[in-house]
Protein backbone atom coordinates (compact mmCIF):
# COMPACT_ATOMS: atom_id res chain seq x y z
CA MET A 1 23.28 15.39 52.68
CA THR A 2 20.68 15.48 49.43
CA PRO A 3 20.39 19.02 48.50
CA PRO A 4 16.69 20.16 48.44
CA LEU A 5 14.42 19.46 45.29
CA VAL A 6 13.28 23.00 45.52
CA VAL A 7 14.76 26.26 46.91
CA ALA A 8 12.46 29.62 47.00
CA THR A 9 14.02 32.68 48.37
CA GLY A 10 12.04 35.76 48.81
CA LEU A 11 9.71 34.50 46.05
CA SER A 12 6.74 36.82 45.23
CA MET A 13 4.32 36.85 42.50
CA ARG A 14 1.60 39.69 41.60
CA PHE A 15 -0.88 39.20 38.83
CA ALA A 16 -1.59 42.93 38.30
CA ARG A 17 0.12 46.20 39.81
CA GLN A 18 -2.90 47.48 41.59
CA ASP A 19 -3.70 44.04 43.25
CA PRO A 20 -2.14 42.89 46.47
CA PRO A 21 0.50 40.17 45.75
CA ALA A 22 -0.71 36.53 45.46
CA LEU A 23 2.62 35.40 47.21
CA ASP A 24 4.86 37.73 49.13
CA GLY A 25 8.40 36.80 50.16
CA ILE A 26 8.02 33.08 50.29
CA THR A 27 11.36 31.56 51.38
CA ALA A 28 11.06 27.63 51.67
CA ASP A 29 12.69 24.26 50.67
CA ILE A 30 11.10 21.23 49.46
CA PRO A 31 13.45 17.91 50.28
CA ALA A 32 13.58 14.53 48.42
CA GLY A 33 11.90 11.46 50.05
CA ARG A 34 9.49 13.37 52.02
CA VAL A 35 5.77 14.34 51.77
CA THR A 36 5.62 18.28 52.26
CA GLY A 37 1.94 19.62 53.05
CA LEU A 38 0.90 22.85 51.65
CA VAL A 39 -2.05 24.39 53.63
CA GLY A 40 -3.63 27.83 54.35
CA PRO A 41 -7.00 29.21 53.48
CA ASP A 42 -8.61 30.06 50.39
CA GLY A 43 -6.80 32.64 48.55
CA ALA A 44 -3.54 31.90 50.41
CA GLY A 45 -1.51 31.47 47.19
CA LYS A 46 -1.15 27.68 47.60
CA THR A 47 -2.12 27.09 43.79
CA THR A 48 -0.02 29.94 42.61
CA PHE A 49 2.96 28.80 44.27
CA ILE A 50 2.60 25.06 42.44
CA ARG A 51 2.20 26.71 39.45
CA LEU A 52 5.28 28.56 39.94
CA LEU A 53 7.32 25.30 40.60
CA ALA A 54 5.93 23.75 37.57
CA GLY A 55 7.04 26.55 35.24
CA LEU A 56 3.48 27.53 34.27
CA LEU A 57 3.82 31.37 35.90
CA HIS A 58 6.79 33.48 36.19
CA PRO A 59 7.47 35.22 39.44
CA THR A 60 7.33 38.86 39.89
CA GLN A 61 10.66 38.61 42.25
CA GLY A 62 12.81 36.54 44.34
CA GLY A 63 14.58 33.20 43.57
CA LEU A 64 13.35 29.94 42.47
CA THR A 65 15.19 26.67 41.64
CA VAL A 66 13.57 23.36 40.89
CA LEU A 67 15.83 20.17 40.48
CA GLY A 68 18.71 22.86 40.34
CA LEU A 69 17.00 24.55 37.43
CA ASP A 70 15.30 27.97 36.75
CA PRO A 71 11.52 27.34 36.02
CA VAL A 72 11.48 30.45 33.91
CA THR A 73 14.37 29.43 31.41
CA ARG A 74 14.58 25.75 31.81
CA ALA A 75 10.67 24.85 32.20
CA ASP A 76 10.69 21.98 29.33
CA ALA A 77 13.65 20.42 31.31
CA ILE A 78 11.65 20.67 34.42
CA HIS A 79 8.49 19.30 32.68
CA ALA A 80 10.33 16.06 31.87
CA ARG A 81 11.43 15.17 35.40
CA ILE A 82 8.36 16.12 37.69
CA GLY A 83 4.52 14.92 37.93
CA TYR A 84 1.95 17.60 38.19
CA MET A 85 -1.79 16.83 39.18
CA PRO A 86 -3.77 20.22 39.19
CA GLN A 87 -7.14 20.76 40.99
CA LYS A 88 -8.99 20.13 37.76
CA PHE A 89 -6.75 17.24 36.35
CA GLY A 90 -7.17 16.94 32.55
CA LEU A 91 -8.57 13.45 32.19
CA TYR A 92 -10.63 13.00 29.04
CA GLU A 93 -13.62 11.67 30.13
CA ASP A 94 -14.93 10.16 26.77
CA LEU A 95 -11.55 8.10 26.81
CA SER A 96 -11.21 4.76 28.78
CA VAL A 97 -8.57 4.38 31.70
CA ALA A 98 -6.11 2.72 29.00
CA GLU A 99 -6.69 5.32 26.45
CA ASN A 100 -6.11 8.18 29.12
CA LEU A 101 -2.76 6.32 29.92
CA ARG A 102 -1.70 5.91 26.37
CA LEU A 103 -2.31 9.48 25.59
CA TYR A 104 -0.39 10.67 28.63
CA ALA A 105 2.50 8.39 27.58
CA GLU A 106 2.47 9.93 24.24
CA VAL A 107 2.71 13.54 25.65
CA ARG A 108 5.24 12.69 28.19
CA GLY A 109 7.42 10.93 25.55
CA LEU A 110 7.41 7.59 27.02
CA PRO A 111 9.52 5.15 24.77
CA PRO A 112 6.79 2.64 23.23
CA ASP A 113 8.98 -0.31 24.32
CA GLU A 114 8.42 0.78 27.95
CA GLU A 115 4.49 1.65 27.78
CA ALA A 116 3.63 -2.17 28.76
CA GLU A 117 5.53 -2.48 31.83
CA THR A 118 4.57 1.11 32.97
CA PHE A 119 1.14 0.57 32.58
CA ARG A 120 1.11 -2.61 34.31
CA ARG A 121 2.88 -1.12 36.98
CA LEU A 122 0.68 1.99 37.53
CA LEU A 123 -2.39 -0.17 37.19
CA ASP A 124 -1.19 -2.43 39.92
CA PHE A 125 -0.23 0.48 42.13
CA THR A 126 -3.49 2.33 41.87
CA GLY A 127 -5.92 -0.73 41.65
CA LEU A 128 -7.27 0.10 38.48
CA GLU A 129 -6.26 -3.21 36.87
CA GLN A 130 -9.72 -4.10 36.39
CA PHE A 131 -11.23 -1.04 34.89
CA THR A 132 -8.86 -0.47 31.76
CA GLY A 133 -11.89 -0.29 29.50
CA ARG A 134 -13.93 1.88 31.61
CA LEU A 135 -14.61 5.35 30.30
CA ALA A 136 -13.00 8.00 32.69
CA GLY A 137 -16.37 9.90 33.06
CA ARG A 138 -17.85 6.69 34.46
CA LEU A 139 -15.25 6.24 37.18
CA SER A 140 -16.10 7.28 40.79
CA GLY A 141 -14.39 10.36 42.31
CA GLY A 142 -11.96 8.34 44.26
CA MET A 143 -10.97 6.12 41.00
CA LYS A 144 -10.82 9.37 38.93
CA GLN A 145 -8.24 10.66 41.07
CA LYS A 146 -6.12 7.61 40.86
CA LEU A 147 -6.06 7.61 37.38
CA GLY A 148 -5.13 11.29 37.73
CA LEU A 149 -2.15 10.11 39.92
CA ALA A 150 -1.15 7.51 37.31
CA CYS A 151 -1.06 9.73 34.73
CA ALA A 152 0.91 12.26 36.49
CA MET A 153 3.41 9.39 37.13
CA ILE A 154 3.79 8.10 33.55
CA ARG A 155 7.38 8.98 33.62
CA LYS A 156 8.79 8.33 37.20
CA PRO A 157 9.29 11.78 38.73
CA GLU A 158 11.79 13.08 40.84
CA LEU A 159 9.20 15.83 42.39
CA LEU A 160 5.49 15.18 42.63
CA LEU A 161 3.25 18.24 42.65
CA LEU A 162 -0.29 17.42 43.93
CA ASP A 163 -2.91 20.31 44.20
CA GLU A 164 -5.62 19.21 46.51
CA PRO A 165 -5.92 15.60 45.02
CA SER A 166 -8.45 14.64 47.68
CA VAL A 167 -11.11 16.74 47.11
CA GLY A 168 -14.52 14.89 46.83
CA VAL A 169 -13.03 11.51 47.72
CA ASP A 170 -14.34 9.54 50.41
CA PRO A 171 -12.35 8.42 53.62
CA ILE A 172 -11.42 5.11 52.28
CA SER A 173 -10.19 6.27 49.01
CA ARG A 174 -8.26 9.15 50.59
CA ARG A 175 -6.39 6.55 52.83
CA GLU A 176 -5.54 4.58 49.76
CA LEU A 177 -4.21 7.61 47.94
CA TRP A 178 -2.04 8.41 51.06
CA ARG A 179 -0.86 4.82 51.14
CA MET A 180 0.36 5.34 47.42
CA VAL A 181 1.85 8.76 48.05
CA LYS A 182 3.77 7.48 51.15
CA ALA A 183 5.09 4.66 49.01
CA LEU A 184 6.45 6.96 46.24
CA ALA A 185 8.06 9.32 49.17
CA ALA A 186 9.87 6.05 50.37
CA GLN A 187 11.42 5.72 46.87
CA GLY A 188 12.93 8.88 47.31
CA ILE A 189 10.43 11.10 45.32
CA GLY A 190 9.93 14.32 46.80
CA VAL A 191 5.99 15.06 47.13
CA LEU A 192 4.39 18.72 47.69
CA TRP A 193 0.54 17.98 48.49
CA SER A 194 -1.70 20.82 48.78
CA THR A 195 -4.79 20.05 51.05
CA SER A 196 -7.89 21.49 52.78
CA TYR A 197 -8.07 18.37 54.99
CA LEU A 198 -5.94 19.19 58.11
CA ASP A 199 -5.82 15.61 59.24
CA GLU A 200 -3.99 15.05 56.06
CA ALA A 201 -1.42 18.01 56.83
CA GLU A 202 -0.85 16.38 60.27
CA ALA A 203 0.14 13.15 58.45
CA CYS A 204 2.99 14.99 56.25
CA ASP A 205 6.69 14.99 57.06
CA HIS A 206 6.85 18.71 56.90
CA VAL A 207 4.07 21.77 56.39
CA LEU A 208 4.18 25.06 54.69
CA LEU A 209 1.26 27.15 56.20
CA PHE A 210 0.50 30.31 53.90
CA ALA A 211 -1.96 33.10 54.43
CA ARG A 212 -2.56 35.92 52.00
CA GLY A 213 0.38 35.03 50.12
CA ARG A 214 2.65 35.11 53.22
CA MET A 215 4.40 32.22 55.07
CA LEU A 216 3.00 31.78 58.58
CA PHE A 217 4.79 28.46 59.28
CA THR A 218 7.23 26.06 58.15
CA GLY A 219 8.31 23.05 60.06
CA GLU A 220 6.99 19.62 61.56
CA PRO A 221 3.03 19.39 62.03
CA SER A 222 3.62 18.50 65.79
CA GLU A 223 5.81 21.75 66.28
CA LEU A 224 2.59 23.93 65.36
CA THR A 225 0.21 21.74 67.08
CA GLY A 226 2.45 22.06 70.26
CA ARG A 227 1.47 25.72 70.42
CA VAL A 228 -2.18 24.88 71.52
CA ARG A 229 -1.27 22.30 74.14
CA GLY A 230 -3.27 22.87 77.34
CA ARG A 231 -5.73 25.09 75.75
CA VAL A 232 -8.08 22.52 74.29
CA PHE A 233 -11.16 21.12 76.18
CA GLN A 234 -14.18 19.14 75.43
CA VAL A 235 -17.63 19.71 77.24
CA ARG A 236 -19.19 16.36 78.00
CA GLY A 237 -22.48 15.47 79.88
CA ILE A 238 -24.38 18.29 77.94
CA GLY A 239 -28.07 18.53 79.13
CA GLY A 240 -29.62 20.67 76.37
CA GLY A 241 -28.71 21.21 72.73
CA ARG A 242 -25.02 20.93 71.46
CA ARG A 243 -25.72 23.83 69.00
CA ALA A 244 -26.82 26.17 71.61
CA VAL A 245 -23.73 25.25 73.75
CA LEU A 246 -21.52 25.90 70.82
CA ARG A 247 -23.19 29.20 69.82
CA ARG A 248 -22.73 30.58 73.50
CA GLY A 249 -19.26 29.32 73.78
CA LEU A 250 -18.20 31.13 70.59
CA GLU A 251 -19.43 34.35 71.76
CA LEU A 252 -17.36 34.24 75.04
CA ARG A 253 -14.27 36.20 75.28
CA GLY A 254 -11.10 33.91 75.02
CA VAL A 255 -12.84 31.25 72.98
CA ILE A 256 -11.17 31.22 69.37
CA ASP A 257 -12.69 28.09 67.79
CA GLY A 258 -15.37 25.47 68.63
CA VAL A 259 -17.03 22.39 67.04
CA ILE A 260 -19.34 19.58 67.72
CA GLN A 261 -18.01 16.29 68.39
CA GLY A 262 -21.02 13.72 68.54
CA ARG A 263 -22.77 14.40 71.78
CA ASN A 264 -19.72 16.57 72.96
CA VAL A 265 -18.55 20.08 71.96
CA ARG A 266 -14.82 20.89 71.67
CA PHE A 267 -13.48 24.48 72.43
CA VAL A 268 -10.07 26.04 71.66
CA LEU A 269 -9.15 28.99 73.93
CA ALA A 270 -6.93 31.99 73.16
CA ASP A 271 -3.32 32.14 74.60
CA GLY A 272 -3.48 33.65 77.98
CA SER A 273 -7.16 33.03 78.37
CA SER A 274 -8.53 32.76 81.94
CA GLY A 275 -10.57 29.51 81.10
CA LEU A 276 -13.83 28.55 80.09
CA ASP A 277 -17.01 29.28 82.23
CA LEU A 278 -19.17 26.12 82.32
CA GLN A 279 -21.90 28.41 83.91
CA ALA A 280 -21.88 30.64 80.80
CA LEU A 281 -22.35 27.77 78.58
CA ASP A 282 -25.73 26.50 80.32
CA ALA A 283 -24.59 23.07 79.43
CA GLY A 284 -26.58 21.35 82.02
CA PRO A 285 -25.98 20.30 85.85
CA ARG A 286 -23.90 17.19 84.64
CA ALA A 287 -21.59 18.97 82.33
CA THR A 288 -18.09 18.61 82.51
CA LEU A 289 -14.95 20.39 80.97
CA ASP A 290 -12.27 17.85 80.45
CA PRO A 291 -8.79 18.69 78.79
CA VAL A 292 -8.13 16.88 75.53
CA ALA A 293 -5.23 16.37 73.25
CA PRO A 294 -4.89 19.29 70.71
CA ARG A 295 -4.93 18.63 66.81
CA PHE A 296 -3.19 20.27 63.92
CA GLU A 297 -6.52 21.82 62.99
CA ASP A 298 -6.74 23.54 66.38
CA ALA A 299 -3.23 25.20 65.78
CA PHE A 300 -4.19 26.30 62.34
CA LEU A 301 -7.04 28.03 63.59
CA ASP A 302 -5.10 29.64 66.39
CA ILE A 303 -2.38 30.91 64.00
CA LEU A 304 -5.00 32.50 61.81
CA GLY A 305 -6.54 34.36 64.60
CA GLY A 306 -9.68 31.88 65.21
CA GLY A 307 -12.93 31.25 63.52
CA PRO A 308 -16.08 33.11 63.13
CA GLY A 309 -18.48 33.58 66.01
CA GLY A 310 -21.48 31.42 66.78
CA VAL A 311 -24.32 33.54 65.54
CA SER A 312 -25.68 33.35 62.02
CA VAL A 313 -27.04 36.66 60.67
CA LEU A 314 -28.70 34.61 58.13
CA ALA A 315 -30.43 32.46 60.51
CA ARG A 316 -31.24 35.46 62.65
CA ASN A 317 -33.14 36.93 59.91
CA MET A 318 -35.15 33.94 59.21
CA ALA A 319 -38.88 33.51 60.40
CA PRO A 320 -38.84 30.62 62.85
CA LYS A 321 -40.62 27.33 60.95
CA GLN A 322 -43.88 26.39 62.25
CA PRO A 323 -44.24 22.87 63.74
CA GLY A 324 -44.79 20.30 60.77
CA PRO A 325 -45.58 16.82 60.47
CA GLU A 326 -43.64 14.32 62.36
CA ALA A 327 -41.58 13.46 59.42
CA VAL A 328 -40.70 16.39 57.20
CA VAL A 329 -38.73 14.38 54.75
CA GLU A 330 -38.93 10.57 53.81
CA ALA A 331 -37.52 8.10 51.68
CA ARG A 332 -39.77 5.10 51.20
CA GLY A 333 -38.26 1.99 49.54
CA LEU A 334 -36.55 4.12 46.90
CA THR A 335 -34.55 2.14 44.38
CA LYS A 336 -33.03 3.29 41.13
CA ARG A 337 -31.99 1.11 38.14
CA PHE A 338 -29.62 2.13 35.35
CA GLY A 339 -30.33 -0.66 32.70
CA GLY A 340 -29.26 -3.93 34.57
CA PHE A 341 -27.26 -2.06 37.15
CA THR A 342 -29.16 -1.05 40.70
CA ALA A 343 -27.58 1.92 42.09
CA ALA A 344 -29.93 2.20 45.17
CA SER A 345 -32.17 -0.51 46.42
CA GLY A 346 -34.80 -0.20 49.06
CA ILE A 347 -33.47 2.98 50.88
CA THR A 348 -35.91 4.09 53.58
CA PHE A 349 -35.69 6.64 56.48
CA ALA A 350 -37.33 9.64 57.87
CA ILE A 351 -35.85 13.11 58.91
CA ARG A 352 -37.69 14.90 61.73
CA GLN A 353 -37.96 18.72 61.56
CA GLY A 354 -35.10 20.88 62.77
CA GLU A 355 -32.89 17.91 61.98
CA ILE A 356 -29.63 17.76 60.38
CA PHE A 357 -29.28 14.18 58.66
CA GLY A 358 -26.25 13.06 56.91
CA LEU A 359 -26.40 10.76 53.90
CA LEU A 360 -22.81 9.17 53.78
CA GLY A 361 -20.97 6.42 51.90
CA PRO A 362 -17.84 5.70 49.63
CA ASN A 363 -17.63 7.12 46.16
CA GLY A 364 -20.01 5.05 43.76
CA ALA A 365 -21.87 3.49 46.79
CA GLY A 366 -25.15 5.15 45.73
CA LYS A 367 -25.48 8.17 48.11
CA SER A 368 -25.43 10.55 45.33
CA THR A 369 -28.16 8.71 43.35
CA THR A 370 -30.21 8.53 46.54
CA PHE A 371 -29.62 12.22 47.07
CA LYS A 372 -30.93 13.12 43.65
CA MET A 373 -33.86 11.17 44.08
CA MET A 374 -34.87 12.82 47.34
CA CYS A 375 -34.48 16.25 45.53
CA GLY A 376 -36.35 15.49 42.54
CA LEU A 377 -33.57 15.42 40.12
CA LEU A 378 -33.91 11.64 39.45
CA ARG A 379 -37.22 9.86 39.26
CA PRO A 380 -37.05 6.48 41.24
CA SER A 381 -37.55 3.38 39.60
CA GLU A 382 -39.60 2.05 42.77
CA GLY A 383 -40.60 3.91 46.08
CA GLN A 384 -41.35 7.46 47.10
CA ALA A 385 -39.41 10.46 47.99
CA LEU A 386 -41.61 12.84 50.14
CA VAL A 387 -41.35 16.42 51.38
CA ASP A 388 -43.89 17.61 53.86
CA GLY A 389 -46.02 14.79 52.77
CA LEU A 390 -45.85 15.42 49.07
CA SER A 391 -44.39 13.15 46.50
CA LEU A 392 -41.57 14.84 44.29
CA ALA A 393 -42.81 12.41 41.79
CA ALA A 394 -46.69 13.31 41.98
CA CYS A 395 -46.52 16.91 43.04
CA PRO A 396 -43.15 18.22 41.71
CA GLY A 397 -43.80 21.87 41.69
CA ALA A 398 -45.50 21.99 45.40
CA ALA A 399 -42.68 20.10 46.86
CA ARG A 400 -39.98 21.79 45.40
CA ALA A 401 -41.38 25.05 46.59
CA ARG A 402 -40.49 23.81 50.13
CA ILE A 403 -36.75 23.01 49.34
CA GLY A 404 -33.48 24.73 48.77
CA TYR A 405 -30.90 22.84 46.79
CA MET A 406 -26.99 23.30 46.88
CA SER A 407 -24.61 21.33 44.92
CA GLN A 408 -20.90 21.16 44.87
CA LYS A 409 -20.79 21.15 41.27
CA PHE A 410 -24.21 22.33 39.53
CA SER A 411 -25.92 24.88 41.58
CA LEU A 412 -24.61 28.03 39.76
CA TYR A 413 -24.72 29.10 36.15
CA GLY A 414 -20.83 29.53 35.64
CA THR A 415 -21.52 32.02 32.62
CA LEU A 416 -23.85 34.26 34.85
CA SER A 417 -22.53 36.86 36.91
CA ALA A 418 -23.04 36.54 40.65
CA ARG A 419 -26.02 39.23 40.55
CA GLN A 420 -27.70 37.24 37.43
CA ASN A 421 -27.41 34.09 39.44
CA LEU A 422 -29.25 35.73 42.40
CA GLU A 423 -31.76 37.09 40.14
CA PHE A 424 -32.43 33.89 38.21
CA PHE A 425 -32.90 31.77 41.57
CA SER A 426 -35.04 34.37 43.26
CA GLY A 427 -37.54 34.10 40.28
CA ILE A 428 -37.05 30.21 40.16
CA TYR A 429 -38.22 30.13 43.88
CA GLY A 430 -41.10 32.39 43.18
CA LEU A 431 -39.89 35.70 44.71
CA THR A 432 -41.39 38.88 43.10
CA GLY A 433 -41.20 42.50 43.57
CA ALA A 434 -40.16 44.21 46.85
CA ARG A 435 -39.89 40.89 48.54
CA ARG A 436 -37.37 39.53 45.67
CA ARG A 437 -35.24 42.91 45.96
CA GLN A 438 -35.06 42.71 49.58
CA ALA A 439 -33.96 39.03 49.65
CA MET A 440 -31.29 39.57 47.13
CA GLN A 441 -29.92 42.65 48.80
CA SER A 442 -29.97 40.55 52.32
CA MET A 443 -27.89 37.89 50.66
CA VAL A 444 -25.42 40.35 49.26
CA ASP A 445 -24.89 41.71 52.61
CA ILE A 446 -24.73 38.54 54.71
CA PHE A 447 -22.28 36.90 52.28
CA ALA A 448 -20.43 39.94 51.46
CA LEU A 449 -20.95 39.53 47.68
CA GLY A 450 -20.99 43.24 47.02
CA PRO A 451 -17.65 43.52 45.40
CA HIS A 452 -18.24 40.54 43.27
CA LEU A 453 -21.57 41.07 41.86
CA GLY A 454 -20.45 41.67 38.12
CA GLU A 455 -17.98 38.73 38.24
CA SER A 456 -19.13 35.28 36.40
CA ALA A 457 -19.81 32.59 38.97
CA ASP A 458 -16.78 30.57 37.29
CA THR A 459 -14.20 33.10 38.02
CA LEU A 460 -15.19 33.67 41.59
CA PRO A 461 -12.83 32.37 44.61
CA LEU A 462 -14.09 28.94 45.66
CA GLY A 463 -15.21 30.28 49.18
CA PHE A 464 -17.24 33.22 47.51
CA LYS A 465 -18.85 30.49 44.91
CA GLN A 466 -19.92 28.46 47.74
CA ARG A 467 -21.24 31.44 49.76
CA LEU A 468 -23.14 32.45 46.62
CA ALA A 469 -24.63 29.08 45.92
CA LEU A 470 -25.90 28.86 49.39
CA ALA A 471 -27.33 32.37 49.07
CA CYS A 472 -29.27 31.28 45.98
CA ALA A 473 -30.48 28.00 47.59
CA VAL A 474 -31.73 30.05 50.90
CA MET A 475 -33.11 33.26 49.91
CA HIS A 476 -36.71 31.90 49.65
CA GLU A 477 -36.29 30.59 53.28
CA PRO A 478 -36.98 26.90 52.43
CA ALA A 479 -38.59 24.74 55.00
CA VAL A 480 -36.10 21.85 53.91
CA LEU A 481 -32.51 22.25 52.81
CA PHE A 482 -30.48 19.89 50.70
CA LEU A 483 -26.77 20.36 50.55
CA ASP A 484 -24.61 18.10 48.34
CA GLU A 485 -20.86 18.42 49.61
CA PRO A 486 -21.33 22.27 50.22
CA THR A 487 -17.74 22.70 51.70
CA SER A 488 -16.07 20.33 49.41
CA GLY A 489 -12.36 22.00 48.84
CA VAL A 490 -12.98 25.03 51.21
CA ASP A 491 -10.75 25.91 53.84
CA PRO A 492 -11.65 25.16 57.67
CA ILE A 493 -12.53 28.55 58.53
CA THR A 494 -15.04 28.75 55.53
CA ARG A 495 -16.37 25.49 56.62
CA ARG A 496 -16.97 26.84 60.24
CA GLU A 497 -18.83 29.84 58.95
CA PHE A 498 -21.32 27.36 56.72
CA TRP A 499 -21.83 25.33 59.80
CA THR A 500 -22.77 28.37 61.85
CA HIS A 501 -25.38 29.14 59.38
CA ILE A 502 -26.53 25.54 59.21
CA ASN A 503 -26.60 25.25 62.96
CA GLY A 504 -28.46 28.60 63.18
CA MET A 505 -31.07 27.66 60.59
CA VAL A 506 -31.85 24.10 62.31
CA GLU A 507 -32.41 25.92 65.54
CA ARG A 508 -34.89 27.97 63.51
CA GLY A 509 -36.61 24.86 62.48
CA VAL A 510 -35.31 24.47 59.03
CA THR A 511 -34.58 20.55 58.37
CA ILE A 512 -31.41 19.71 56.52
CA MET A 513 -30.07 16.76 54.39
CA ILE A 514 -26.60 16.86 53.69
CA THR A 515 -23.76 14.78 52.04
CA THR A 516 -20.00 15.14 52.95
CA HIS A 517 -16.74 13.52 52.94
CA PHE A 518 -15.67 15.38 55.79
CA MET A 519 -15.97 13.19 58.71
CA ASP A 520 -15.45 16.16 61.40
CA GLU A 521 -18.58 17.59 59.70
CA ALA A 522 -20.72 14.43 59.81
CA GLU A 523 -20.05 15.21 63.78
CA TYR A 524 -22.65 17.81 63.33
CA CYS A 525 -25.34 15.54 62.30
CA ASP A 526 -28.11 14.41 64.54
CA ARG A 527 -28.31 11.10 62.61
CA ILE A 528 -26.47 9.63 59.62
CA ALA A 529 -27.35 7.15 57.06
CA LEU A 530 -24.60 5.17 55.69
CA VAL A 531 -24.98 3.75 52.39
CA TYR A 532 -23.06 1.14 50.67
CA ARG A 533 -23.40 -1.15 47.61
CA GLY A 534 -26.82 0.83 47.01
CA ARG A 535 -28.30 -0.22 50.45
CA THR A 536 -28.21 1.51 53.61
CA ILE A 537 -26.00 -0.49 56.17
CA ALA A 538 -26.43 1.60 59.29
CA ILE A 539 -28.64 4.47 60.65
CA GLY A 540 -28.12 6.34 63.88
CA SER A 541 -26.18 9.32 65.34
CA PRO A 542 -22.61 9.80 65.00
CA ASP A 543 -21.88 8.47 68.75
CA GLU A 544 -24.04 5.15 67.87
CA LEU A 545 -22.15 4.43 64.65
CA LYS A 546 -19.09 4.80 66.65
CA ASP A 547 -20.52 2.42 69.37
CA GLU A 548 -21.33 0.00 66.70
CA ALA A 549 -17.76 0.06 65.19
CA ARG A 550 -16.18 -0.36 68.72
CA GLY A 551 -14.15 -3.48 69.35
CA PRO A 552 -10.88 -4.70 70.77
CA GLY A 553 -8.79 -3.07 68.00
CA ALA A 554 -10.65 0.17 68.31
CA PRO A 555 -11.76 0.81 71.55
CA ASP A 556 -12.51 4.65 71.11
CA PRO A 557 -12.84 4.66 67.24
CA SER A 558 -13.30 8.38 65.44
CA LEU A 559 -16.29 8.63 63.15
CA GLU A 560 -13.75 8.26 60.15
CA GLU A 561 -12.56 4.73 61.74
CA ALA A 562 -16.17 3.76 62.28
CA PHE A 563 -17.04 4.62 58.63
CA ILE A 564 -14.24 2.40 57.25
CA ALA A 565 -14.96 -0.39 59.77
CA LEU A 566 -18.70 -0.45 58.89
CA VAL A 567 -17.96 -0.57 55.37
CA GLU A 568 -15.41 -2.98 55.42
CA ARG A 569 -17.59 -5.35 57.74
CA SER A 570 -19.98 -5.26 54.53
CA GLY A 571 -17.55 -6.80 52.16
CA PRO A 572 -14.71 -5.79 49.94
CA GLU A 573 -14.85 -1.88 49.34
CA ARG A 574 -13.19 -1.74 45.94
CA ASP A 575 -16.25 -3.71 44.38
CA ALA A 576 -18.70 -0.84 45.32
CA ARG A 577 -16.83 1.73 43.18
CA THR A 578 -17.54 0.44 39.99
CA ALA A 579 -20.26 2.72 38.98
CA ALA A 580 -20.05 6.49 38.57
């Protein structure tokens, strides 16, 4: 039997004596030829564990061997035999694909006579052979991750460490990354894949589940999923609003989790629960409660004690929005050209008040360009973006006063503290005096930012960074909220917290436009526009998009399957990702 590539025994890591341990008594093995998933909520210790394996940190106590070597004393020998792709992979964006590969070949000591064949193999493997001259900074998100993987594979490793490699990557690119990693495991390489996508964890051969530095579970994903069998139900035939049914259900005793799935609502019950009372949900006379197969995510939430409740304090404190025009947000023939390249062409849609409208598409398909035009961050080459009937081009100040904006990357000023970011954005949105002080304190209380007010935004844990960004975007109670991948990289519990607030705000009449690569999140949308090659290829509710993709080979497609099918029907997907 092949010995494990990694053996950790009682592994602990503490960064400061007065702080709780980042890792506390971890005992785990990582075998060769398998994909081991590393999952857990934000702050669970996943990145710390990976850095210990890579020899970048030294453990406080416990035993650790990597490839039979001690990473404290033999780090250089380990580095020569592993591949490591951190969360913020060190691509040089002003270098081309080929130049990045050459740089990493030199750093990793690849013999010059092996370069040509190695580059050919890696470019073919990742599908980047057409883009060797393109600057890394102009690659789409999925292509950047593939280049990162190629650089980590310059010298064929025995162990590959991947720290959330699919964050910000569309479903098609994620599937391609998985195909590549599975092929590597089939060659005998051991892979440790840290992820916040629990459908990815479900696809792993083995899973390590961390929480607060401790190991909660180790084993096959199906073993964990089995613990919630018989406790997962879907409410179908809902007569009223899905969001209200979800909110009421999450407040019931014995319900530990709930999510919207298109026109239905899915609930997970606590062990020993007496059941779910349909009457208490007030879901309408035709509503039914049907058992459904459990998912790994259901078991994940169960072992962590459940998700947040269904009531948003943020939304509860907001004044209800008065009825506005029939279309609160409109795109009228939006087109954007960059030189000879058309990133978006003739995009047209209208969003009603109190609606969640999703803008989805593969990396590089034009959705980010469209989103930025809708927010007033890019001036369209043709067409109009309207908010409450006001043109963002003709009346930018008046239109922007009605919106809030949260971006995954650019919402916060990293060198400013959390308090300074709140002060800055409250001023930008026109809050003054007592109203400003009250709004800031309300955000601090709602998002539990008090202990972090003096910390710079760049150093905040990801979950708190996203909470701060949302607080800055909504403290002026906008009528329209633009959310650009607001939960990218955060764990499922934090995502549910965000969606509790989003659903609550919509029930108060706020209109929301959102982009996301989580198809489970897209199920919350009332309608979705699917953008590909700069054009809208489908608009409809999540269930309508599934119906459009339904066929003999997919009689009951998931939203992710529908996304992929609709894109593939429109032509070869790889061609769409040639722009940033």
